[in-house]
N, C-alpha and C. Protein backbone atom coordinates (compact mmCIF):
# COMPACT_ATOMS: atom_id res chain seq x y z
N MET A 1 8.80 19.52 15.07
CA MET A 1 9.06 20.27 13.96
C MET A 1 8.62 21.85 13.84
N GLU A 2 9.40 22.66 13.50
CA GLU A 2 8.85 24.09 13.55
C GLU A 2 8.33 24.18 12.40
N LYS A 3 6.73 25.08 12.35
CA LYS A 3 5.81 25.29 11.53
C LYS A 3 6.95 26.04 10.50
N ASN A 4 6.66 26.16 9.36
CA ASN A 4 7.15 26.91 8.17
C ASN A 4 8.96 27.03 7.88
N SER A 5 9.42 25.94 8.33
CA SER A 5 10.88 26.05 8.63
C SER A 5 11.07 25.48 7.23
N GLN A 6 12.35 25.46 7.03
CA GLN A 6 12.84 25.32 5.33
C GLN A 6 13.69 24.06 5.20
N GLU A 7 13.45 23.22 3.83
CA GLU A 7 14.38 22.10 3.65
C GLU A 7 14.63 22.36 2.92
N ASN A 8 15.97 21.87 2.54
CA ASN A 8 16.70 22.17 1.31
C ASN A 8 17.14 20.59 0.88
N ILE A 9 17.02 20.04 -0.53
CA ILE A 9 17.97 19.12 -1.08
C ILE A 9 18.76 19.50 -2.51
N GLN A 10 19.82 19.44 -2.18
CA GLN A 10 20.54 19.59 -3.67
C GLN A 10 20.63 18.71 -4.56
N VAL A 11 20.49 19.36 -5.99
CA VAL A 11 20.82 18.09 -6.77
C VAL A 11 21.92 18.54 -7.80
N GLN A 12 22.28 17.39 -8.53
CA GLN A 12 23.33 17.95 -9.66
C GLN A 12 22.31 17.89 -10.78
N TRP A 13 22.76 18.86 -11.64
CA TRP A 13 22.16 19.10 -12.89
C TRP A 13 23.09 19.53 -14.07
N GLY A 14 23.77 18.26 -14.82
CA GLY A 14 24.79 18.90 -15.50
C GLY A 14 26.50 19.07 -14.50
N LYS A 15 26.94 20.18 -14.92
CA LYS A 15 27.85 20.89 -13.73
C LYS A 15 27.41 21.35 -12.98
N HIS A 16 26.15 21.66 -12.58
CA HIS A 16 25.51 22.54 -11.73
C HIS A 16 24.90 21.95 -10.66
N THR A 17 24.97 22.79 -9.13
CA THR A 17 24.41 22.10 -8.21
C THR A 17 23.11 22.99 -8.19
N VAL A 18 21.60 22.18 -7.70
CA VAL A 18 20.34 23.26 -7.95
C VAL A 18 20.18 22.95 -6.43
N ASN A 19 19.40 23.94 -5.76
CA ASN A 19 19.14 24.09 -4.74
C ASN A 19 17.69 24.03 -4.47
N LEU A 20 17.03 22.83 -4.26
CA LEU A 20 15.60 23.19 -3.95
C LEU A 20 15.06 23.29 -2.61
N THR A 21 14.33 24.27 -2.45
CA THR A 21 13.81 24.71 -1.08
C THR A 21 12.42 24.77 -0.83
N PHE A 22 11.76 24.02 -0.07
CA PHE A 22 10.43 23.86 0.22
C PHE A 22 10.29 24.03 1.70
N ASN A 23 9.11 24.12 2.39
CA ASN A 23 8.65 24.42 3.41
C ASN A 23 8.88 22.61 4.04
N SER A 24 9.17 22.53 5.08
CA SER A 24 9.33 21.30 5.65
C SER A 24 8.13 20.41 5.52
N LEU A 25 8.06 19.37 5.70
CA LEU A 25 7.00 18.11 5.46
C LEU A 25 6.36 17.74 6.96
N ASP A 26 5.16 17.74 7.13
CA ASP A 26 4.66 17.65 8.17
C ASP A 26 4.54 16.08 8.34
N PHE A 27 5.43 15.46 9.52
CA PHE A 27 5.69 13.95 9.43
C PHE A 27 4.37 13.07 10.42
N ASN A 28 3.28 13.89 10.50
CA ASN A 28 2.26 13.05 11.09
C ASN A 28 1.32 13.90 10.28
N ILE A 29 0.88 12.23 9.15
CA ILE A 29 0.09 12.30 8.50
C ILE A 29 -1.00 11.07 8.65
N ASP A 30 -2.17 12.15 8.33
CA ASP A 30 -3.28 10.92 8.22
C ASP A 30 -3.90 10.58 6.95
N VAL A 31 -3.44 9.47 6.27
CA VAL A 31 -3.62 9.79 5.18
C VAL A 31 -4.84 9.58 4.63
N ASP A 32 -5.89 9.22 5.59
CA ASP A 32 -7.03 8.88 4.77
C ASP A 32 -7.76 10.46 4.51
N GLU A 33 -7.30 11.16 5.71
CA GLU A 33 -7.58 12.76 5.62
C GLU A 33 -6.73 13.44 4.17
N LEU A 34 -5.80 13.13 4.28
CA LEU A 34 -4.76 13.72 3.42
C LEU A 34 -5.40 13.24 1.31
N ILE A 35 -5.89 11.91 1.32
CA ILE A 35 -6.44 11.58 0.40
C ILE A 35 -8.00 11.73 -0.05
N ARG A 36 -8.53 11.96 1.12
CA ARG A 36 -9.91 12.61 0.67
C ARG A 36 -9.90 13.80 0.34
N ILE A 37 -11.15 14.13 -0.84
CA ILE A 37 -11.26 15.21 -1.35
C ILE A 37 -12.44 16.08 -0.39
N ASP A 38 -11.90 17.28 -0.10
CA ASP A 38 -12.87 18.09 0.29
C ASP A 38 -13.83 18.88 -0.43
N SER A 39 -15.04 18.33 -0.49
CA SER A 39 -15.85 18.86 -1.69
C SER A 39 -16.49 19.89 -1.13
N SER A 40 -16.38 20.11 0.11
CA SER A 40 -17.17 21.49 0.73
C SER A 40 -15.87 22.86 0.44
N ASN A 41 -14.75 22.77 -0.01
CA ASN A 41 -13.48 23.45 -0.25
C ASN A 41 -12.74 23.08 -1.26
N PRO A 42 -13.39 23.20 -2.74
CA PRO A 42 -12.86 22.64 -4.05
C PRO A 42 -12.02 23.75 -4.42
N VAL A 43 -11.74 25.25 -4.27
CA VAL A 43 -10.83 25.66 -4.33
C VAL A 43 -9.42 25.75 -3.75
N GLY A 44 -9.97 25.08 -2.10
CA GLY A 44 -8.81 24.95 -1.61
C GLY A 44 -8.00 23.68 -1.98
N GLU A 45 -9.09 22.66 -2.47
CA GLU A 45 -8.31 21.60 -3.36
C GLU A 45 -7.44 21.66 -4.54
N MET A 46 -8.02 22.37 -5.16
CA MET A 46 -7.39 23.17 -6.10
C MET A 46 -5.78 23.83 -6.22
N LEU A 47 -5.86 24.74 -5.17
CA LEU A 47 -4.89 25.57 -4.90
C LEU A 47 -3.49 24.61 -4.35
N THR A 48 -3.68 23.60 -3.47
CA THR A 48 -2.91 23.05 -2.80
C THR A 48 -2.79 21.29 -3.18
N ILE A 49 -3.31 20.87 -4.64
CA ILE A 49 -3.04 19.66 -4.33
C ILE A 49 -1.59 19.27 -5.49
N SER A 50 -1.20 20.11 -6.19
CA SER A 50 0.16 20.44 -6.90
C SER A 50 1.20 20.30 -5.65
N THR A 51 1.04 20.93 -4.59
CA THR A 51 2.44 20.71 -3.42
C THR A 51 2.11 19.62 -2.96
N LEU A 52 0.86 19.11 -2.81
CA LEU A 52 1.13 17.97 -1.94
C LEU A 52 1.19 16.89 -2.90
N LEU A 53 1.03 16.82 -3.76
CA LEU A 53 1.62 15.75 -5.04
C LEU A 53 3.06 16.25 -4.99
N ASN A 54 3.52 17.24 -5.19
CA ASN A 54 5.27 17.51 -4.98
C ASN A 54 5.98 16.84 -3.90
N LYS A 55 5.41 17.16 -2.50
CA LYS A 55 5.57 16.64 -1.33
C LYS A 55 5.98 15.19 -1.58
N CYS A 56 4.55 14.51 -1.72
CA CYS A 56 4.84 13.26 -1.52
C CYS A 56 5.79 12.33 -2.75
N GLY A 57 5.62 13.39 -3.89
CA GLY A 57 6.76 12.73 -4.59
C GLY A 57 8.51 13.14 -4.11
N ILE A 58 8.42 14.07 -3.45
CA ILE A 58 10.07 14.21 -2.52
C ILE A 58 9.99 13.03 -1.65
N MET A 59 9.05 12.87 -1.09
CA MET A 59 8.95 11.82 0.21
C MET A 59 9.53 10.42 -0.45
N ARG A 60 8.70 10.41 -1.56
CA ARG A 60 8.82 8.88 -2.52
C ARG A 60 10.27 8.62 -3.04
N THR A 61 10.72 10.03 -3.55
CA THR A 61 11.98 9.94 -4.18
C THR A 61 12.79 9.68 -3.22
N GLN A 62 13.03 9.95 -1.95
CA GLN A 62 13.57 9.73 -0.85
C GLN A 62 14.19 8.69 -0.33
N ALA A 63 12.78 7.44 -0.25
CA ALA A 63 12.62 6.52 -0.06
C ALA A 63 13.51 5.78 -0.90
N GLU A 64 12.96 6.24 -2.32
CA GLU A 64 13.45 4.79 -3.12
C GLU A 64 14.89 5.20 -3.17
N TYR A 65 15.76 6.32 -2.77
CA TYR A 65 16.97 6.22 -2.72
C TYR A 65 17.79 5.57 -1.73
N GLU A 66 17.12 5.63 -0.63
CA GLU A 66 17.48 5.27 0.66
C GLU A 66 17.58 3.58 0.36
N MET A 67 16.14 3.14 -0.05
CA MET A 67 15.98 1.46 -0.52
C MET A 67 17.73 1.17 -1.39
N LYS A 68 17.56 1.61 -2.35
CA LYS A 68 18.64 1.40 -3.34
C LYS A 68 19.76 1.83 -2.69
N MET A 69 20.25 2.31 -2.03
CA MET A 69 21.41 2.58 -1.13
C MET A 69 21.42 1.51 -0.36
N ALA A 70 20.67 1.18 0.28
CA ALA A 70 20.76 -0.40 1.22
C ALA A 70 20.81 -1.45 0.24
N GLU A 71 20.24 -1.61 -1.02
CA GLU A 71 20.76 -2.63 -1.38
C GLU A 71 21.99 -2.46 -2.13
N LEU A 72 22.59 -1.29 -2.72
CA LEU A 72 24.10 -1.72 -2.84
C LEU A 72 24.92 -1.80 -1.96
N GLU A 73 24.36 -1.24 -0.43
CA GLU A 73 25.47 -2.12 0.62
C GLU A 73 25.31 -3.67 0.83
N VAL A 74 24.24 -4.27 0.46
CA VAL A 74 24.52 -5.70 0.65
C VAL A 74 25.00 -6.08 -0.42
N LYS A 75 25.01 -5.80 -1.64
CA LYS A 75 26.17 -6.32 -2.79
C LYS A 75 27.41 -5.96 -2.37
N THR A 76 27.34 -4.74 -2.35
CA THR A 76 28.93 -4.31 -1.62
C THR A 76 29.66 -5.51 -0.56
N VAL A 77 28.73 -5.31 0.57
CA VAL A 77 29.50 -6.42 1.65
C VAL A 77 29.43 -7.43 0.99
N THR A 78 28.34 -8.27 0.44
CA THR A 78 28.46 -9.55 0.11
C THR A 78 29.84 -10.04 -0.67
N ALA A 79 30.28 -8.84 -1.87
CA ALA A 79 31.25 -8.99 -2.49
C ALA A 79 32.69 -8.98 -1.83
N GLU A 80 32.64 -8.31 -0.75
CA GLU A 80 33.77 -8.02 0.48
C GLU A 80 34.03 -9.36 0.87
N LEU A 81 32.79 -10.17 1.36
CA LEU A 81 32.93 -11.56 2.70
C LEU A 81 32.97 -12.34 1.96
N GLU A 82 32.66 -12.56 0.25
CA GLU A 82 32.67 -13.88 -0.71
C GLU A 82 34.24 -14.70 -0.42
N PRO A 83 35.36 -13.74 -0.23
CA PRO A 83 36.61 -14.20 -0.32
C PRO A 83 36.87 -14.95 1.01
N GLU A 84 36.38 -14.48 2.10
CA GLU A 84 36.75 -14.98 3.08
C GLU A 84 35.94 -16.27 3.57
N VAL A 85 34.37 -16.17 2.97
CA VAL A 85 33.42 -16.85 3.57
C VAL A 85 33.99 -18.58 2.39
N THR A 86 34.78 -18.23 0.97
CA THR A 86 35.27 -19.12 -0.07
C THR A 86 36.04 -19.93 0.85
N LYS A 87 37.26 -18.88 1.10
CA LYS A 87 38.25 -19.73 1.85
C LYS A 87 37.83 -20.79 2.95
N SER A 88 36.95 -19.83 3.88
CA SER A 88 36.69 -21.09 5.22
C SER A 88 35.97 -22.46 4.80
N LEU A 89 35.38 -22.06 3.33
CA LEU A 89 34.60 -23.54 3.14
C LEU A 89 35.57 -24.59 2.36
N ILE A 90 37.13 -24.10 2.24
CA ILE A 90 37.78 -25.31 1.52
C ILE A 90 38.07 -26.17 2.63
N LYS A 91 38.13 -27.32 1.90
CA LYS A 91 38.30 -28.42 2.88
C LYS A 91 39.40 -29.41 2.44
N PHE A 92 40.31 -30.06 2.83
CA PHE A 92 41.54 -30.53 2.91
C PHE A 92 40.88 -32.30 2.89
N VAL A 93 41.65 -32.57 1.91
CA VAL A 93 40.84 -34.44 2.01
C VAL A 93 42.15 -35.18 1.63
N GLY A 94 42.47 -35.86 2.02
CA GLY A 94 43.68 -37.06 2.05
C GLY A 94 44.90 -36.90 2.75
N GLU A 95 45.75 -37.67 2.70
CA GLU A 95 47.10 -37.63 3.57
C GLU A 95 48.26 -37.23 2.84
N GLY A 96 48.83 -36.79 3.79
CA GLY A 96 50.55 -36.57 3.19
C GLY A 96 50.36 -35.66 1.66
N GLU A 97 51.13 -36.57 0.73
CA GLU A 97 51.32 -36.06 -0.57
C GLU A 97 49.97 -36.24 -1.47
N LYS A 98 48.78 -36.91 -0.73
CA LYS A 98 47.88 -36.87 -1.61
C LYS A 98 46.76 -36.07 -1.24
N ARG A 99 47.03 -35.02 -0.02
CA ARG A 99 46.22 -34.32 0.20
C ARG A 99 45.95 -33.30 -0.87
N LYS A 100 44.96 -32.86 -0.95
CA LYS A 100 44.17 -31.67 -1.92
C LYS A 100 43.24 -30.97 -1.27
N ALA A 101 43.44 -30.03 -1.75
CA ALA A 101 41.87 -28.94 -1.50
C ALA A 101 40.96 -29.06 -2.30
N LYS A 102 39.68 -29.23 -1.71
CA LYS A 102 38.34 -29.36 -2.05
C LYS A 102 37.34 -28.00 -1.92
N HIS A 103 37.68 -27.04 -3.08
CA HIS A 103 37.06 -25.61 -3.17
C HIS A 103 35.66 -26.23 -3.18
N PRO A 104 34.82 -25.20 -2.25
CA PRO A 104 33.20 -25.40 -2.63
C PRO A 104 32.93 -24.78 -4.11
N THR A 105 31.52 -25.27 -4.08
CA THR A 105 30.87 -24.85 -5.25
C THR A 105 30.07 -23.54 -5.02
N ILE A 106 29.73 -23.16 -6.56
CA ILE A 106 29.02 -21.33 -6.19
C ILE A 106 27.85 -21.49 -5.57
N PRO A 107 27.08 -22.54 -5.24
CA PRO A 107 26.26 -22.62 -4.66
C PRO A 107 26.31 -22.77 -3.16
N GLN A 108 27.36 -23.44 -3.01
CA GLN A 108 27.79 -23.86 -1.26
C GLN A 108 28.28 -22.09 -0.55
N VAL A 109 29.04 -21.54 -1.34
CA VAL A 109 29.39 -19.91 -1.45
C VAL A 109 28.47 -19.24 -1.10
N GLU A 110 27.24 -19.30 -2.09
CA GLU A 110 26.25 -18.40 -2.14
C GLU A 110 24.96 -18.71 -0.75
N GLN A 111 25.27 -20.05 -0.33
CA GLN A 111 24.35 -20.56 0.92
C GLN A 111 25.13 -20.07 1.97
N ALA A 112 26.49 -20.11 1.94
CA ALA A 112 27.20 -19.53 3.39
C ALA A 112 26.67 -18.17 3.32
N LEU A 113 26.63 -17.43 2.23
CA LEU A 113 26.89 -15.80 2.46
C LEU A 113 25.60 -15.19 3.09
N ASN A 114 24.62 -16.35 2.35
CA ASN A 114 23.00 -15.90 2.88
C ASN A 114 22.75 -16.12 4.30
N ARG A 115 23.96 -17.30 4.54
CA ARG A 115 23.69 -17.52 6.56
C ARG A 115 24.38 -16.50 7.19
N HIS A 116 25.17 -15.64 6.55
CA HIS A 116 25.83 -14.83 7.31
C HIS A 116 25.20 -13.64 8.09
N MET A 117 25.53 -13.60 9.15
CA MET A 117 24.54 -12.65 10.18
C MET A 117 24.50 -11.47 9.51
N THR A 118 25.80 -10.82 9.10
CA THR A 118 26.19 -9.45 8.72
C THR A 118 24.85 -9.30 7.37
N ILE A 119 25.01 -10.12 6.54
CA ILE A 119 24.24 -10.11 5.40
C ILE A 119 22.96 -10.48 5.51
N ILE A 120 22.53 -11.06 6.79
CA ILE A 120 21.00 -10.98 6.99
C ILE A 120 20.69 -10.00 7.49
N GLN A 121 21.45 -9.34 8.30
CA GLN A 121 20.78 -7.85 8.71
C GLN A 121 20.56 -6.90 7.85
N LEU A 122 21.88 -6.80 6.81
CA LEU A 122 21.98 -5.94 5.90
C LEU A 122 20.51 -6.12 4.73
N LYS A 123 20.06 -7.64 4.77
CA LYS A 123 18.96 -7.72 4.08
C LYS A 123 17.82 -7.34 4.78
N LYS A 124 17.36 -7.45 6.09
CA LYS A 124 16.35 -7.09 6.73
C LYS A 124 16.52 -5.53 6.78
N GLN A 125 18.05 -4.85 6.54
CA GLN A 125 17.39 -3.13 6.52
C GLN A 125 16.96 -3.02 5.13
N HIS A 126 17.25 -3.61 3.98
CA HIS A 126 16.79 -3.12 2.90
C HIS A 126 15.43 -3.67 2.44
N LEU A 127 14.94 -4.48 3.02
CA LEU A 127 13.63 -5.13 3.19
C LEU A 127 12.78 -3.88 4.02
N MET A 128 13.19 -3.17 4.68
CA MET A 128 12.50 -2.01 5.48
C MET A 128 12.47 -1.41 4.40
N LYS A 129 13.70 -0.70 4.19
CA LYS A 129 13.65 0.40 3.09
C LYS A 129 12.59 0.37 1.76
N GLU A 130 12.60 -0.98 1.48
CA GLU A 130 11.59 -1.69 0.32
C GLU A 130 10.27 -1.05 0.63
N ARG A 131 10.07 -1.54 2.35
CA ARG A 131 8.59 -1.42 2.78
C ARG A 131 8.35 -0.04 2.49
N ASP A 132 8.93 0.76 3.04
CA ASP A 132 9.13 2.18 3.34
C ASP A 132 8.76 2.51 2.02
N PHE A 133 9.37 2.62 0.80
CA PHE A 133 9.71 2.82 -0.47
C PHE A 133 8.01 2.51 -0.98
N ASN A 134 7.44 1.51 -0.58
CA ASN A 134 6.01 0.89 -1.58
C ASN A 134 4.95 1.24 -0.65
N LEU A 135 5.42 1.92 0.87
CA LEU A 135 4.56 2.94 1.36
C LEU A 135 4.07 4.14 0.57
N LEU A 136 5.19 4.83 0.61
CA LEU A 136 5.46 6.04 -0.08
C LEU A 136 4.63 6.18 -1.46
N ASP A 137 5.25 4.81 -2.00
CA ASP A 137 4.57 4.54 -3.57
C ASP A 137 3.48 4.89 -3.50
N ASN A 138 2.85 4.06 -2.69
CA ASN A 138 1.33 3.79 -2.81
C ASN A 138 0.47 5.05 -2.44
N LEU A 139 1.12 5.81 -1.37
CA LEU A 139 0.45 7.28 -1.05
C LEU A 139 0.71 8.16 -1.91
N TYR A 140 1.89 8.23 -2.82
CA TYR A 140 2.07 9.25 -3.71
C TYR A 140 1.21 9.03 -5.32
N TRP A 141 0.76 7.82 -5.45
CA TRP A 141 -0.35 7.08 -6.47
C TRP A 141 -1.32 7.61 -6.35
N ALA A 142 -2.06 7.41 -4.57
CA ALA A 142 -3.10 7.89 -3.90
C ALA A 142 -3.31 9.47 -4.37
N CYS A 143 -2.44 10.32 -4.29
CA CYS A 143 -2.26 11.42 -4.09
C CYS A 143 -2.34 11.99 -5.79
N LYS A 144 -1.96 11.23 -6.39
CA LYS A 144 -1.83 11.11 -8.17
C LYS A 144 -3.47 11.09 -8.67
N SER A 145 -4.29 9.94 -8.20
CA SER A 145 -5.37 9.98 -8.46
C SER A 145 -6.19 11.02 -7.99
N LYS A 146 -5.92 11.71 -7.01
CA LYS A 146 -6.88 12.68 -6.30
C LYS A 146 -6.82 13.99 -7.12
N ASP A 147 -5.43 14.18 -7.50
CA ASP A 147 -4.81 15.44 -8.31
C ASP A 147 -5.80 15.21 -9.63
N SER A 148 -6.07 13.75 -10.22
CA SER A 148 -6.68 13.54 -11.32
C SER A 148 -8.33 13.79 -11.44
N LYS A 149 -8.71 13.40 -9.93
CA LYS A 149 -10.35 13.64 -9.87
C LYS A 149 -10.37 14.95 -9.35
N VAL A 150 -9.59 16.17 -8.91
CA VAL A 150 -9.92 17.15 -8.51
C VAL A 150 -9.61 17.98 -9.59
N ALA A 151 -8.85 17.56 -10.88
CA ALA A 151 -8.93 18.10 -11.82
C ALA A 151 -9.94 18.32 -12.75
N SER A 152 -10.80 16.92 -12.81
CA SER A 152 -11.77 16.65 -13.53
C SER A 152 -13.19 17.04 -12.91
N PHE A 153 -13.60 17.12 -11.63
CA PHE A 153 -14.51 17.73 -10.97
C PHE A 153 -14.82 19.63 -10.94
N PHE A 154 -13.42 20.07 -10.53
CA PHE A 154 -13.51 21.38 -10.69
C PHE A 154 -12.93 22.25 -11.44
N HIS A 155 -12.95 21.47 -12.45
CA HIS A 155 -12.70 22.16 -13.81
C HIS A 155 -13.25 23.56 -14.51
N LYS A 156 -14.72 23.52 -13.53
CA LYS A 156 -15.29 24.64 -14.17
C LYS A 156 -15.14 25.81 -13.29
N ILE A 157 -14.75 25.65 -12.40
CA ILE A 157 -14.44 26.89 -11.49
C ILE A 157 -13.43 28.13 -12.26
N VAL A 158 -13.86 29.12 -11.99
CA VAL A 158 -13.25 30.14 -12.59
C VAL A 158 -12.76 31.11 -11.43
N PRO A 159 -11.77 31.72 -11.99
CA PRO A 159 -10.94 32.47 -11.16
C PRO A 159 -11.96 33.64 -9.91
N ASP A 160 -13.00 34.73 -10.91
CA ASP A 160 -13.69 35.36 -10.59
C ASP A 160 -14.38 34.86 -8.97
N GLY A 161 -14.59 33.47 -8.94
CA GLY A 161 -15.32 32.91 -7.66
C GLY A 161 -14.33 32.66 -6.38
N TYR A 162 -12.80 32.45 -6.92
CA TYR A 162 -11.99 32.09 -5.49
C TYR A 162 -12.13 32.70 -3.96
N ASP A 163 -11.87 33.87 -4.39
CA ASP A 163 -12.18 35.07 -3.09
C ASP A 163 -13.64 34.17 -2.42
N SER A 164 -14.85 33.98 -2.95
CA SER A 164 -16.07 33.95 -2.07
C SER A 164 -16.31 32.32 -2.22
N GLU A 165 -15.34 31.45 -3.09
CA GLU A 165 -15.48 29.85 -2.56
C GLU A 165 -14.32 29.27 -1.49
N ILE A 166 -13.38 30.05 -1.09
CA ILE A 166 -12.31 29.60 -0.33
C ILE A 166 -12.38 29.54 0.78
N ILE A 167 -12.41 28.80 1.48
CA ILE A 167 -12.10 28.52 3.05
C ILE A 167 -11.14 28.41 3.76
N GLN A 168 -10.79 29.27 4.70
CA GLN A 168 -9.85 28.82 5.34
C GLN A 168 -9.41 27.81 5.82
N GLY A 169 -8.13 27.01 6.31
CA GLY A 169 -7.97 26.21 6.86
C GLY A 169 -6.88 25.37 6.23
N VAL A 170 -6.67 23.96 7.00
CA VAL A 170 -5.66 23.37 6.44
C VAL A 170 -6.31 22.43 5.48
N VAL A 171 -6.10 22.23 4.23
CA VAL A 171 -5.88 21.79 3.22
C VAL A 171 -4.89 20.68 2.92
N ASN A 172 -5.24 19.26 2.39
CA ASN A 172 -4.12 18.46 1.70
C ASN A 172 -2.81 19.06 3.21
N GLY A 173 -2.83 19.14 4.11
CA GLY A 173 -1.79 19.59 5.02
C GLY A 173 -1.27 20.99 4.97
N ILE A 174 -1.77 21.51 4.06
CA ILE A 174 -1.52 23.23 3.91
C ILE A 174 -2.29 23.85 4.18
N ASN A 175 -1.63 25.12 5.17
CA ASN A 175 -2.37 26.12 5.71
C ASN A 175 -2.90 27.04 4.79
N ILE A 176 -4.22 27.26 4.94
CA ILE A 176 -4.64 28.26 3.43
C ILE A 176 -5.34 29.46 4.71
N LYS A 177 -4.71 30.87 4.19
CA LYS A 177 -5.24 32.05 4.98
C LYS A 177 -5.64 32.90 3.69
N LYS A 178 -6.85 33.77 3.84
CA LYS A 178 -7.20 34.60 2.86
C LYS A 178 -6.53 35.99 3.42
N LEU A 179 -5.97 36.44 2.58
CA LEU A 179 -5.53 37.88 2.57
C LEU A 179 -6.18 38.72 2.29
N ALA A 180 -6.47 40.05 3.55
CA ALA A 180 -7.19 40.78 3.46
C ALA A 180 -7.18 42.21 2.16
C-alpha cells in the first residue's frame, strides 16, 4: 500500500452523509512495538497516541460491523432454509386412509439446520469474524491503556520543550518529522 494514501469512510448522520478521511493504515503491525511506551521520546508519544487510538478504533469498528453482518447472514439463511428443512423432515405413517403426516418437532428442525452444510460454513465464517473483532478489541483497549499511561506519565511536559525533546522517526506507526 502506498504511503500517505487516503482512506475514506462514509457515515450517515441524520439526513447527512459525513465523509471521514484519514491516512491509510499500515497493515503490518508489530503489536508489541505499538503498545510499548517509548520513554526516550515522550513528546512523540503524546503527539501520536490520539491518532493511534483513532486508527485502532476504526479497525475495531469495521471488524465489529463485519462480525455483525456475518451473524445476520447466519440468521437470514437459517430462516430461508427452515421451511425446506422442515418439509424434508415430514414423515408419513400409516397406510391408505390412515396415512398421516408426522411433523418434526422444533428441536428436530433446529438439529437439522445446525447440521446443514451451508449453515455450518456461515457459522465458521461468523466465528472467524468474531475472532478478528476480539483481537482488534483487545488491541484497542491496549492502546487505550497506553493512552492513559502516556497522559499520566507525561502530563508535566510543557509546549516550550517540544522542539528540543522531540525525536524524529516512527512513533505509534506514525512518522514524525521536524519542520525547519
